């Protein structure tokens, strides 16, 4: 049975093991309205695949949205095949591709061979 594995920004530079078919959810801090955005680096192998990336909906509806309010973004991945890969995210200036990333997030992912 597939399960969900949740990782937050505190899991930066760590390892996770997920079984084939499992969902891996990575939640990263994002500043709403800021010009910086999390960008997923291309995944070279067929171990894991990005399914969706969406901002968290605030729990309470505020009358006006603060431009610099923190807003998490959640990346959902699906484990496809046994193997190992590294997921890498860069927090970049969306208006200036030449600027160095402000932060990064890296996670080693292992999808073990299914038990026989």
PDB file of N, CA and C in Angstrom:
ATOM      1  N   UNK A   1       0.841  -1.190   0.000  1.00  0.00           N
ATOM      2  CA  UNK A   1       0.000   0.000   0.000  1.00  0.00           C
ATOM      3  C   UNK A   1       0.884   1.252   0.000  1.00  0.00           C
ATOM      4  N   UNK A   2       0.580   2.185  -0.880  1.00  0.00           N
ATOM      5  CA  UNK A   2       1.388   3.409  -0.982  1.00  0.00           C
ATOM      6  C   UNK A   2       1.185   4.277   0.250  1.00  0.00           C
ATOM      7  N   UNK A   3       2.247   4.956   0.646  1.00  0.00           N
ATOM      8  CA  UNK A   3       2.136   5.860   1.791  1.00  0.00           C
ATOM      9  C   UNK A   3       2.722   7.213   1.426  1.00  0.00           C
ATOM     10  N   UNK A   4       2.429   8.211   2.266  1.00  0.00           N
ATOM     11  CA  UNK A   4       2.961   9.558   2.073  1.00  0.00           C
ATOM     12  C   UNK A   4       4.114   9.773   3.029  1.00  0.00           C
ATOM     13  N   UNK A   5       5.211  10.314   2.525  1.00  0.00           N
ATOM     14  CA  UNK A   5       6.362  10.663   3.350  1.00  0.00           C
ATOM     15  C   UNK A   5       6.512  12.174   3.270  1.00  0.00           C
ATOM     16  N   UNK A   6       6.502  12.844   4.430  1.00  0.00           N
ATOM     17  CA  UNK A   6       6.572  14.306   4.472  1.00  0.00           C
ATOM     18  C   UNK A   6       7.925  14.772   4.984  1.00  0.00           C
ATOM     19  N   UNK A   7       8.519  15.722   4.271  1.00  0.00           N
ATOM     20  CA  UNK A   7       9.809  16.299   4.644  1.00  0.00           C
ATOM     21  C   UNK A   7       9.645  17.813   4.665  1.00  0.00           C
ATOM     22  N   UNK A   8      10.216  18.467   5.686  1.00  0.00           N
ATOM     23  CA  UNK A   8      10.192  19.932   5.729  1.00  0.00           C
ATOM     24  C   UNK A   8      11.606  20.439   5.472  1.00  0.00           C
ATOM     25  N   UNK A   9      11.759  21.746   5.546  1.00  0.00           N
ATOM     26  CA  UNK A   9      13.070  22.345   5.289  1.00  0.00           C
ATOM     27  C   UNK A   9      14.117  21.899   6.315  1.00  0.00           C
ATOM     28  N   UNK A  10      13.652  21.420   7.486  1.00  0.00           N
ATOM     29  CA  UNK A  10      14.592  20.909   8.491  1.00  0.00           C
ATOM     30  C   UNK A  10      15.288  19.639   8.015  1.00  0.00           C
ATOM     31  N   UNK A  11      14.746  19.004   6.985  1.00  0.00           N
ATOM     32  CA  UNK A  11      15.348  17.793   6.442  1.00  0.00           C
ATOM     33  C   UNK A  11      16.422  18.073   5.407  1.00  0.00           C
ATOM     34  N   UNK A  12      16.865  19.332   5.295  1.00  0.00           N
ATOM     35  CA  UNK A  12      17.878  19.699   4.309  1.00  0.00           C
ATOM     36  C   UNK A  12      19.137  18.859   4.505  1.00  0.00           C
ATOM     37  N   UNK A  13      19.714  18.398   3.404  1.00  0.00           N
ATOM     38  CA  UNK A  13      20.938  17.593   3.377  1.00  0.00           C
ATOM     39  C   UNK A  13      20.778  16.281   4.145  1.00  0.00           C
ATOM     40  N   UNK A  14      19.581  15.698   4.094  1.00  0.00           N
ATOM     41  CA  UNK A  14      19.376  14.412   4.753  1.00  0.00           C
ATOM     42  C   UNK A  14      19.032  13.357   3.704  1.00  0.00           C
ATOM     43  N   UNK A  15      18.709  12.151   4.185  1.00  0.00           N
ATOM     44  CA  UNK A  15      18.349  11.041   3.302  1.00  0.00           C
ATOM     45  C   UNK A  15      16.974  10.538   3.662  1.00  0.00           C
ATOM     46  N   UNK A  16      16.279  10.029   2.679  1.00  0.00           N
ATOM     47  CA  UNK A  16      14.969   9.436   2.924  1.00  0.00           C
ATOM     48  C   UNK A  16      14.838   8.195   2.042  1.00  0.00           C
ATOM     49  N   UNK A  17      14.144   7.201   2.577  1.00  0.00           N
ATOM     50  CA  UNK A  17      13.884   5.979   1.821  1.00  0.00           C
ATOM     51  C   UNK A  17      12.381   5.890   1.598  1.00  0.00           C
ATOM     52  N   UNK A  18      11.970   5.781   0.347  1.00  0.00           N
ATOM     53  CA  UNK A  18      10.549   5.636   0.017  1.00  0.00           C
ATOM     54  C   UNK A  18      10.392   4.437  -0.910  1.00  0.00           C
ATOM     55  N   UNK A  19       9.299   3.725  -0.752  1.00  0.00           N
ATOM     56  CA  UNK A  19       9.051   2.557  -1.597  1.00  0.00           C
ATOM     57  C   UNK A  19       8.402   2.972  -2.908  1.00  0.00           C
ATOM     58  N   UNK A  20       8.580   2.129  -3.925  1.00  0.00           N
ATOM     59  CA  UNK A  20       7.984   2.379  -5.233  1.00  0.00           C
ATOM     60  C   UNK A  20       6.485   2.604  -5.061  1.00  0.00           C
ATOM     61  N   UNK A  21       5.959   3.664  -5.661  1.00  0.00           N
ATOM     62  CA  UNK A  21       4.543   3.994  -5.567  1.00  0.00           C
ATOM     63  C   UNK A  21       4.225   4.982  -4.458  1.00  0.00           C
ATOM     64  N   UNK A  22       5.153   5.166  -3.501  1.00  0.00           N
ATOM     65  CA  UNK A  22       4.927   6.111  -2.404  1.00  0.00           C
ATOM     66  C   UNK A  22       4.963   7.548  -2.908  1.00  0.00           C
ATOM     67  N   UNK A  23       4.286   8.420  -2.163  1.00  0.00           N
ATOM     68  CA  UNK A  23       4.321   9.860  -2.432  1.00  0.00           C
ATOM     69  C   UNK A  23       5.329  10.494  -1.485  1.00  0.00           C
ATOM     70  N   UNK A  24       6.171  11.353  -2.004  1.00  0.00           N
ATOM     71  CA  UNK A  24       7.116  12.117  -1.191  1.00  0.00           C
ATOM     72  C   UNK A  24       6.692  13.573  -1.277  1.00  0.00           C
ATOM     73  N   UNK A  25       6.437  14.177  -0.121  1.00  0.00           N
ATOM     74  CA  UNK A  25       5.980  15.563  -0.075  1.00  0.00           C
ATOM     75  C   UNK A  25       7.056  16.400   0.608  1.00  0.00           C
ATOM     76  N   UNK A  26       7.542  17.421  -0.090  1.00  0.00           N
ATOM     77  CA  UNK A  26       8.575  18.302   0.453  1.00  0.00           C
ATOM     78  C   UNK A  26       7.982  19.692   0.587  1.00  0.00           C
ATOM     79  N   UNK A  27       8.003  20.217   1.821  1.00  0.00           N
ATOM     80  CA  UNK A  27       7.412  21.526   2.106  1.00  0.00           C
ATOM     81  C   UNK A  27       8.549  22.497   2.429  1.00  0.00           C
ATOM     82  N   UNK A  28       8.657  23.568   1.636  1.00  0.00           N
ATOM     83  CA  UNK A  28       9.728  24.552   1.804  1.00  0.00           C
ATOM     84  C   UNK A  28       9.141  25.927   2.091  1.00  0.00           C
ATOM     85  N   UNK A  29       9.850  26.699   2.919  1.00  0.00           N
ATOM     86  CA  UNK A  29       9.417  28.062   3.240  1.00  0.00           C
ATOM     87  C   UNK A  29       9.592  28.958   2.030  1.00  0.00           C
ATOM     88  N   UNK A  30       8.580  29.740   1.775  1.00  0.00           N
ATOM     89  CA  UNK A  30       8.584  30.658   0.647  1.00  0.00           C
ATOM     90  C   UNK A  30       8.013  31.975   1.155  1.00  0.00           C
ATOM     91  N   UNK A  31       8.484  33.091   0.664  1.00  0.00           N
ATOM     92  CA  UNK A  31       7.916  34.374   1.058  1.00  0.00           C
ATOM     93  C   UNK A  31       6.949  34.824  -0.025  1.00  0.00           C
ATOM     94  N   UNK A  32       5.677  34.908   0.338  1.00  0.00           N
ATOM     95  CA  UNK A  32       4.645  35.290  -0.629  1.00  0.00           C
ATOM     96  C   UNK A  32       4.917  36.696  -1.147  1.00  0.00           C
ATOM     97  N   UNK A  33       4.790  36.857  -2.443  1.00  0.00           N
ATOM     98  CA  UNK A  33       4.955  38.172  -3.032  1.00  0.00           C
ATOM     99  C   UNK A  33       6.406  38.566  -3.250  1.00  0.00           C
ATOM    100  N   UNK A  34       7.341  37.791  -2.723  1.00  0.00           N
ATOM    101  CA  UNK A  34       8.758  38.116  -2.921  1.00  0.00           C
ATOM    102  C   UNK A  34       9.163  37.708  -4.331  1.00  0.00           C
ATOM    103  N   UNK A  35      10.289  38.245  -4.774  1.00  0.00           N
ATOM    104  CA  UNK A  35      10.717  37.890  -6.123  1.00  0.00           C
ATOM    105  C   UNK A  35      11.497  36.578  -6.147  1.00  0.00           C
ATOM    106  N   UNK A  36      11.704  35.975  -4.971  1.00  0.00           N
ATOM    107  CA  UNK A  36      12.402  34.692  -4.915  1.00  0.00           C
ATOM    108  C   UNK A  36      11.417  33.542  -4.973  1.00  0.00           C
ATOM    109  N   UNK A  37      11.803  32.483  -5.691  1.00  0.00           N
ATOM    110  CA  UNK A  37      10.954  31.302  -5.812  1.00  0.00           C
ATOM    111  C   UNK A  37      11.826  30.047  -5.756  1.00  0.00           C
ATOM    112  N   UNK A  38      11.258  28.971  -5.204  1.00  0.00           N
ATOM    113  CA  UNK A  38      11.947  27.679  -5.204  1.00  0.00           C
ATOM    114  C   UNK A  38      11.857  27.077  -6.598  1.00  0.00           C
ATOM    115  N   UNK A  39      12.978  26.562  -7.057  1.00  0.00           N
ATOM    116  CA  UNK A  39      13.052  25.955  -8.380  1.00  0.00           C
ATOM    117  C   UNK A  39      13.626  24.554  -8.216  1.00  0.00           C
ATOM    118  N   UNK A  40      12.967  23.558  -8.795  1.00  0.00           N
ATOM    119  CA  UNK A  40      13.458  22.178  -8.735  1.00  0.00           C
ATOM    120  C   UNK A  40      14.479  21.996  -9.841  1.00  0.00           C
ATOM    121  N   UNK A  41      15.651  21.475  -9.480  1.00  0.00           N
ATOM    122  CA  UNK A  41      16.651  21.174 -10.497  1.00  0.00           C
ATOM    123  C   UNK A  41      16.208  19.911 -11.247  1.00  0.00           C
ATOM    124  N   UNK A  42      16.548  19.806 -12.529  1.00  0.00           N
ATOM    125  CA  UNK A  42      16.106  18.645 -13.309  1.00  0.00           C
ATOM    126  C   UNK A  42      16.550  17.326 -12.658  1.00  0.00           C
ATOM    127  N   UNK A  43      15.675  16.335 -12.718  1.00  0.00           N
ATOM    128  CA  UNK A  43      15.969  15.013 -12.168  1.00  0.00           C
ATOM    129  C   UNK A  43      16.389  14.136 -13.340  1.00  0.00           C
ATOM    130  N   UNK A  44      17.639  13.660 -13.295  1.00  0.00           N
ATOM    131  CA  UNK A  44      18.227  12.991 -14.447  1.00  0.00           C
ATOM    132  C   UNK A  44      17.722  11.560 -14.644  1.00  0.00           C
ATOM    133  N   UNK A  45      17.386  10.883 -13.556  1.00  0.00           N
ATOM    134  CA  UNK A  45      17.033   9.475 -13.696  1.00  0.00           C
ATOM    135  C   UNK A  45      15.535   9.261 -13.552  1.00  0.00           C
ATOM    136  N   UNK A  46      15.135   8.020 -13.598  1.00  0.00           N
ATOM    137  CA  UNK A  46      13.719   7.677 -13.575  1.00  0.00           C
ATOM    138  C   UNK A  46      13.311   7.107 -12.220  1.00  0.00           C
ATOM    139  N   UNK A  47      13.960   7.563 -11.138  1.00  0.00           N
ATOM    140  CA  UNK A  47      13.696   7.034  -9.800  1.00  0.00           C
ATOM    141  C   UNK A  47      12.469   7.710  -9.196  1.00  0.00           C
ATOM    142  N   UNK A  48      12.384   9.026  -9.365  1.00  0.00           N
ATOM    143  CA  UNK A  48      11.310   9.799  -8.733  1.00  0.00           C
ATOM    144  C   UNK A  48      10.858  10.887  -9.701  1.00  0.00           C
ATOM    145  N   UNK A  49       9.590  11.264  -9.626  1.00  0.00           N
ATOM    146  CA  UNK A  49       9.055  12.237 -10.582  1.00  0.00           C
ATOM    147  C   UNK A  49       8.235  13.285  -9.845  1.00  0.00           C
ATOM    148  N   UNK A  50       8.392  14.541 -10.259  1.00  0.00           N
ATOM    149  CA  UNK A  50       7.591  15.633  -9.703  1.00  0.00           C
ATOM    150  C   UNK A  50       6.163  15.508 -10.227  1.00  0.00           C
ATOM    151  N   UNK A  51       5.194  15.511  -9.295  1.00  0.00           N
ATOM    152  CA  UNK A  51       3.792  15.420  -9.687  1.00  0.00           C
ATOM    153  C   UNK A  51       3.171  16.813  -9.689  1.00  0.00           C
ATOM    154  N   UNK A  52       3.277  17.532  -8.545  1.00  0.00           N
ATOM    155  CA  UNK A  52       2.734  18.892  -8.463  1.00  0.00           C
ATOM    156  C   UNK A  52       3.593  19.748  -7.550  1.00  0.00           C
ATOM    157  N   UNK A  53       3.495  21.053  -7.740  1.00  0.00           N
ATOM    158  CA  UNK A  53       4.112  22.029  -6.836  1.00  0.00           C
ATOM    159  C   UNK A  53       3.057  23.090  -6.588  1.00  0.00           C
ATOM    160  N   UNK A  54       2.683  23.278  -5.327  1.00  0.00           N
ATOM    161  CA  UNK A  54       1.625  24.246  -5.046  1.00  0.00           C
ATOM    162  C   UNK A  54       1.875  24.976  -3.741  1.00  0.00           C
ATOM    163  N   UNK A  55       1.500  26.270  -3.699  1.00  0.00           N
ATOM    164  CA  UNK A  55       1.619  27.026  -2.448  1.00  0.00           C
ATOM    165  C   UNK A  55       0.592  26.534  -1.443  1.00  0.00           C
ATOM    166  N   UNK A  56       0.944  26.597  -0.171  1.00  0.00           N
ATOM    167  CA  UNK A  56       0.017  26.240   0.905  1.00  0.00           C
ATOM    168  C   UNK A  56      -1.072  27.289   0.988  1.00  0.00           C
ATOM    169  N   UNK A  57      -2.275  26.864   1.219  1.00  0.00           N
ATOM    170  CA  UNK A  57      -3.371  27.805   1.437  1.00  0.00           C
ATOM    171  C   UNK A  57      -3.335  28.239   2.896  1.00  0.00           C
ATOM    172  N   UNK A  58      -3.376  29.535   3.170  1.00  0.00           N
ATOM    173  CA  UNK A  58      -3.366  29.978   4.568  1.00  0.00           C
ATOM    174  C   UNK A  58      -4.581  29.423   5.310  1.00  0.00           C
ATOM    175  N   UNK A  59      -4.395  29.068   6.580  1.00  0.00           N
ATOM    176  CA  UNK A  59      -5.475  28.475   7.376  1.00  0.00           C
ATOM    177  C   UNK A  59      -6.608  29.474   7.593  1.00  0.00           C
ATOM    178  N   UNK A  60      -6.254  30.699   7.984  1.00  0.00           N
ATOM    179  CA  UNK A  60      -7.271  31.726   8.231  1.00  0.00           C
ATOM    180  C   UNK A  60      -7.298  32.673   7.048  1.00  0.00           C
ATOM    181  N   UNK A  61      -8.476  33.084   6.691  1.00  0.00           N
ATOM    182  CA  UNK A  61      -8.576  34.071   5.611  1.00  0.00           C
ATOM    183  C   UNK A  61      -8.336  35.449   6.211  1.00  0.00           C
ATOM    184  N   UNK A  62      -7.302  36.090   5.734  1.00  0.00           N
ATOM    185  CA  UNK A  62      -7.041  37.434   6.237  1.00  0.00           C
ATOM    186  C   UNK A  62      -7.673  38.423   5.266  1.00  0.00           C
ATOM    187  N   UNK A  63      -8.004  39.576   5.780  1.00  0.00           N
ATOM    188  CA  UNK A  63      -8.686  40.559   4.931  1.00  0.00           C
ATOM    189  C   UNK A  63      -7.786  41.069   3.827  1.00  0.00           C
ATOM    190  N   UNK A  64      -6.544  41.275   4.167  1.00  0.00           N
ATOM    191  CA  UNK A  64      -5.627  41.688   3.115  1.00  0.00           C
ATOM    192  C   UNK A  64      -4.361  40.865   3.226  1.00  0.00           C
ATOM    193  N   UNK A  65      -3.806  40.587   2.100  1.00  0.00           N
ATOM    194  CA  UNK A  65      -2.636  39.730   2.053  1.00  0.00           C
ATOM    195  C   UNK A  65      -1.385  40.583   2.217  1.00  0.00           C
ATOM    196  N   UNK A  66      -0.539  40.184   3.147  1.00  0.00           N
ATOM    197  CA  UNK A  66       0.732  40.896   3.311  1.00  0.00           C
ATOM    198  C   UNK A  66       1.683  40.388   2.237  1.00  0.00           C
ATOM    199  N   UNK A  67       2.367  41.302   1.591  1.00  0.00           N
ATOM    200  CA  UNK A  67       3.230  40.880   0.495  1.00  0.00           C
ATOM    201  C   UNK A  67       4.411  40.044   0.959  1.00  0.00           C
ATOM    202  N   UNK A  68       4.937  40.308   2.120  1.00  0.00           N
ATOM    203  CA  UNK A  68       6.115  39.570   2.573  1.00  0.00           C
ATOM    204  C   UNK A  68       5.766  38.474   3.585  1.00  0.00           C
ATOM    205  N   UNK A  69       4.539  37.997   3.569  1.00  0.00           N
ATOM    206  CA  UNK A  69       4.126  36.956   4.516  1.00  0.00           C
ATOM    207  C   UNK A  69       4.746  35.616   4.125  1.00  0.00           C
ATOM    208  N   UNK A  70       5.134  34.820   5.113  1.00  0.00           N
ATOM    209  CA  UNK A  70       5.658  33.498   4.763  1.00  0.00           C
ATOM    210  C   UNK A  70       4.549  32.623   4.191  1.00  0.00           C
ATOM    211  N   UNK A  71       4.885  31.860   3.190  1.00  0.00           N
ATOM    212  CA  UNK A  71       3.919  30.975   2.548  1.00  0.00           C
ATOM    213  C   UNK A  71       4.691  29.741   2.098  1.00  0.00           C
ATOM    214  N   UNK A  72       4.378  28.600   2.684  1.00  0.00           N
ATOM    215  CA  UNK A  72       5.093  27.387   2.297  1.00  0.00           C
ATOM    216  C   UNK A  72       4.668  26.959   0.904  1.00  0.00           C
ATOM    217  N   UNK A  73       5.585  26.284   0.219  1.00  0.00           N
ATOM    218  CA  UNK A  73       5.237  25.664  -1.050  1.00  0.00           C
ATOM    219  C   UNK A  73       5.507  24.176  -0.899  1.00  0.00           C
ATOM    220  N   UNK A  74       4.597  23.369  -1.415  1.00  0.00           N
ATOM    221  CA  UNK A  74       4.705  21.923  -1.282  1.00  0.00           C
ATOM    222  C   UNK A  74       4.959  21.309  -2.649  1.00  0.00           C
ATOM    223  N   UNK A  75       6.021  20.501  -2.728  1.00  0.00           N
ATOM    224  CA  UNK A  75       6.351  19.755  -3.939  1.00  0.00           C
ATOM    225  C   UNK A  75       5.978  18.301  -3.694  1.00  0.00           C
ATOM    226  N   UNK A  76       5.157  17.726  -4.570  1.00  0.00           N
ATOM    227  CA  UNK A  76       4.750  16.327  -4.447  1.00  0.00           C
ATOM    228  C   UNK A  76       5.454  15.490  -5.504  1.00  0.00           C
ATOM    229  N   UNK A  77       6.117  14.438  -5.045  1.00  0.00           N
ATOM    230  CA  UNK A  77       6.835  13.531  -5.932  1.00  0.00           C
ATOM    231  C   UNK A  77       6.253  12.133  -5.806  1.00  0.00           C
ATOM    232  N   UNK A  78       6.434  11.338  -6.854  1.00  0.00           N
ATOM    233  CA  UNK A  78       6.014   9.935  -6.853  1.00  0.00           C
ATOM    234  C   UNK A  78       7.267   9.089  -7.074  1.00  0.00           C
ATOM    235  N   UNK A  79       7.441   8.057  -6.224  1.00  0.00           N
ATOM    236  CA  UNK A  79       8.560   7.125  -6.397  1.00  0.00           C
ATOM    237  C   UNK A  79       8.211   6.163  -7.530  1.00  0.00           C
ATOM    238  N   UNK A  80       9.061   6.131  -8.568  1.00  0.00           N
ATOM    239  CA  UNK A  80       8.744   5.341  -9.758  1.00  0.00           C
ATOM    240  C   UNK A  80       9.471   4.006  -9.808  1.00  0.00           C
ATOM    241  N   UNK A  81      10.798   4.045  -9.643  1.00  0.00           N
ATOM    242  CA  UNK A  81      11.617   2.856  -9.840  1.00  0.00           C
ATOM    243  C   UNK A  81      12.702   2.765  -8.782  1.00  0.00           C
ATOM    244  N   UNK A  82      13.168   1.524  -8.479  1.00  0.00           N
ATOM    245  CA  UNK A  82      14.269   1.374  -7.521  1.00  0.00           C
ATOM    246  C   UNK A  82      15.514   2.121  -7.995  1.00  0.00           C
ATOM    247  N   UNK A  83      16.227   2.712  -7.040  1.00  0.00           N
ATOM    248  CA  UNK A  83      17.455   3.438  -7.343  1.00  0.00           C
ATOM    249  C   UNK A  83      17.681   4.534  -6.325  1.00  0.00           C
ATOM    250  N   UNK A  84      18.716   5.346  -6.579  1.00  0.00           N
ATOM    251  CA  UNK A  84      19.030   6.482  -5.702  1.00  0.00           C
ATOM    252  C   UNK A  84      19.136   7.730  -6.552  1.00  0.00           C
ATOM    253  N   UNK A  85      18.686   8.834  -5.993  1.00  0.00           N
ATOM    254  CA  UNK A  85      18.798  10.114  -6.683  1.00  0.00           C
ATOM    255  C   UNK A  85      18.880  11.224  -5.648  1.00  0.00           C
ATOM    256  N   UNK A  86      19.318  12.389  -6.077  1.00  0.00           N
ATOM    257  CA  UNK A  86      19.363  13.553  -5.195  1.00  0.00           C
ATOM    258  C   UNK A  86      18.428  14.615  -5.752  1.00  0.00           C
ATOM    259  N   UNK A  87      17.475  15.029  -4.915  1.00  0.00           N
ATOM    260  CA  UNK A  87      16.594  16.138  -5.294  1.00  0.00           C
ATOM    261  C   UNK A  87      17.263  17.420  -4.853  1.00  0.00           C
ATOM    262  N   UNK A  88      17.300  18.403  -5.734  1.00  0.00           N
ATOM    263  CA  UNK A  88      17.945  19.665  -5.403  1.00  0.00           C
ATOM    264  C   UNK A  88      17.016  20.805  -5.775  1.00  0.00           C
ATOM    265  N   UNK A  89      16.883  21.743  -4.848  1.00  0.00           N
ATOM    266  CA  UNK A  89      16.042  22.924  -5.054  1.00  0.00           C
ATOM    267  C   UNK A  89      16.900  24.154  -4.822  1.00  0.00           C
ATOM    268  N   UNK A  90      16.684  25.187  -5.637  1.00  0.00           N
ATOM    269  CA  UNK A  90      17.369  26.467  -5.441  1.00  0.00           C
ATOM    270  C   UNK A  90      16.322  27.546  -5.217  1.00  0.00           C
ATOM    271  N   UNK A  91      16.592  28.415  -4.250  1.00  0.00           N
ATOM    272  CA  UNK A  91      15.700  29.552  -3.958  1.00  0.00           C
ATOM    273  C   UNK A  91      16.291  30.732  -4.704  1.00  0.00           C
ATOM    274  N   UNK A  92      15.740  31.005  -5.883  1.00  0.00           N
ATOM    275  CA  UNK A  92      16.344  31.981  -6.794  1.00  0.00           C
ATOM    276  C   UNK A  92      15.476  33.206  -6.988  1.00  0.00           C
ATOM    277  N   UNK A  93      16.164  34.253  -7.428  1.00  0.00           N
ATOM    278  CA  UNK A  93      15.490  35.483  -7.808  1.00  0.00           C
ATOM    279  C   UNK A  93      14.822  35.239  -9.164  1.00  0.00           C
ATOM    280  N   UNK A  94      13.498  35.279  -9.190  1.00  0.00           N
ATOM    281  CA  UNK A  94      12.750  34.968 -10.411  1.00  0.00           C
ATOM    282  C   UNK A  94      12.963  36.013 -11.502  1.00  0.00           C
ATOM    283  N   UNK A  95      13.401  37.217 -11.118  1.00  0.00           N
ATOM    284  CA  UNK A  95      13.574  38.277 -12.116  1.00  0.00           C
ATOM    285  C   UNK A  95      15.018  38.403 -12.592  1.00  0.00           C
ATOM    286  N   UNK A  96      15.947  37.678 -11.944  1.00  0.00           N
ATOM    287  CA  UNK A  96      17.362  37.790 -12.305  1.00  0.00           C
ATOM    288  C   UNK A  96      18.015  36.413 -12.269  1.00  0.00           C
ATOM    289  N   UNK A  97      18.070  35.759 -13.437  1.00  0.00           N
ATOM    290  CA  UNK A  97      18.632  34.407 -13.518  1.00  0.00           C
ATOM    291  C   UNK A  97      20.124  34.350 -13.224  1.00  0.00           C
ATOM    292  N   UNK A  98      20.812  35.471 -13.346  1.00  0.00           N
ATOM    293  CA  UNK A  98      22.260  35.497 -13.122  1.00  0.00           C
ATOM    294  C   UNK A  98      22.611  35.570 -11.637  1.00  0.00           C
ATOM    295  N   UNK A  99      21.669  36.000 -10.816  1.00  0.00           N
ATOM    296  CA  UNK A  99      21.940  36.150  -9.382  1.00  0.00           C
ATOM    297  C   UNK A  99      22.125  34.772  -8.743  1.00  0.00           C
ATOM    298  N   UNK A 100      23.071  34.656  -7.803  1.00  0.00           N
ATOM    299  CA  UNK A 100      23.255  33.364  -7.129  1.00  0.00           C
ATOM    300  C   UNK A 100      22.041  33.046  -6.257  1.00  0.00           C
ATOM    301  N   UNK A 101      21.745  31.754  -6.064  1.00  0.00           N
ATOM    302  CA  UNK A 101      20.592  31.407  -5.227  1.00  0.00           C
ATOM    303  C   UNK A 101      20.781  31.872  -3.790  1.00  0.00           C
ATOM    304  N   UNK A 102      19.688  32.272  -3.161  1.00  0.00           N
ATOM    305  CA  UNK A 102      19.712  32.747  -1.780  1.00  0.00           C
ATOM    306  C   UNK A 102      19.855  31.572  -0.810  1.00  0.00           C
ATOM    307  N   UNK A 103      19.166  30.464  -1.111  1.00  0.00           N
ATOM    308  CA  UNK A 103      19.232  29.256  -0.284  1.00  0.00           C
ATOM    309  C   UNK A 103      19.157  28.047  -1.207  1.00  0.00           C
ATOM    310  N   UNK A 104      19.471  26.898  -0.638  1.00  0.00           N
ATOM    311  CA  UNK A 104      19.249  25.670  -1.397  1.00  0.00           C
ATOM    312  C   UNK A 104      18.727  24.591  -0.464  1.00  0.00           C
ATOM    313  N   UNK A 105      18.186  23.542  -1.060  1.00  0.00           N
ATOM    314  CA  UNK A 105      17.672  22.407  -0.304  1.00  0.00           C
ATOM    315  C   UNK A 105      18.038  21.165  -1.089  1.00  0.00           C
ATOM    316  N   UNK A 106      18.599  20.174  -0.397  1.00  0.00           N
ATOM    317  CA  UNK A 106      19.026  18.951  -1.058  1.00  0.00           C
ATOM    318  C   UNK A 106      18.561  17.758  -0.244  1.00  0.00           C
ATOM    319  N   UNK A 107      18.085  16.735  -0.920  1.00  0.00           N
ATOM    320  CA  UNK A 107      17.597  15.538  -0.244  1.00  0.00           C
ATOM    321  C   UNK A 107      17.986  14.321  -1.065  1.00  0.00           C
ATOM    322  N   UNK A 108      18.671  13.369  -0.412  1.00  0.00           N
ATOM    323  CA  UNK A 108      18.988  12.104  -1.075  1.00  0.00           C
ATOM    324  C   UNK A 108      17.791  11.184  -0.929  1.00  0.00           C
ATOM    325  N   UNK A 109      17.356  10.625  -2.045  1.00  0.00           N
ATOM    326  CA  UNK A 109      16.187   9.747  -2.033  1.00  0.00           C
ATOM    327  C   UNK A 109      16.610   8.367  -2.513  1.00  0.00           C
ATOM    328  N   UNK A 110      16.206   7.356  -1.750  1.00  0.00           N
ATOM    329  CA  UNK A 110      16.462   5.980  -2.157  1.00  0.00           C
ATOM    330  C   UNK A 110      15.134   5.254  -2.276  1.00  0.00           C
ATOM    331  N   UNK A 111      14.958   4.579  -3.412  1.00  0.00           N
ATOM    332  CA  UNK A 111      13.802   3.710  -3.611  1.00  0.00           C
ATOM    333  C   UNK A 111      14.367   2.294  -3.678  1.00  0.00           C
ATOM    334  N   UNK A 112      14.177   1.488  -2.600  1.00  0.00           N
ATOM    335  CA  UNK A 112      14.772   0.151  -2.584  1.00  0.00           C
ATOM    336  C   UNK A 112      14.042  -0.806  -3.525  1.00  0.00           C
ATOM    337  N   UNK A 113      14.731  -1.904  -3.883  1.00  0.00           N
ATOM    338  CA  UNK A 113      14.073  -2.955  -4.661  1.00  0.00           C
ATOM    339  C   UNK A 113      12.929  -3.521  -3.832  1.00  0.00           C
ATOM    340  N   UNK A 114      11.791  -3.814  -4.460  1.00  0.00           N
ATOM    341  CA  UNK A 114      10.673  -4.365  -3.674  1.00  0.00           C
ATOM    342  C   UNK A 114      11.034  -5.741  -3.120  1.00  0.00           C
ATOM    343  N   UNK A 115      10.495  -6.089  -1.935  1.00  0.00           N
ATOM    344  CA  UNK A 115      10.804  -7.412  -1.373  1.00  0.00           C
ATOM    345  C   UNK A 115      10.237  -8.512  -2.265  1.00  0.00           C
ATOM    346  N   UNK A 116      10.937  -9.617  -2.314  1.00  0.00           N
ATOM    347  CA  UNK A 116      10.485 -10.735  -3.171  1.00  0.00           C
ATOM    348  C   UNK A 116       9.532 -11.636  -2.425  1.00  0.00           C
TER     349      UNK A 116
END
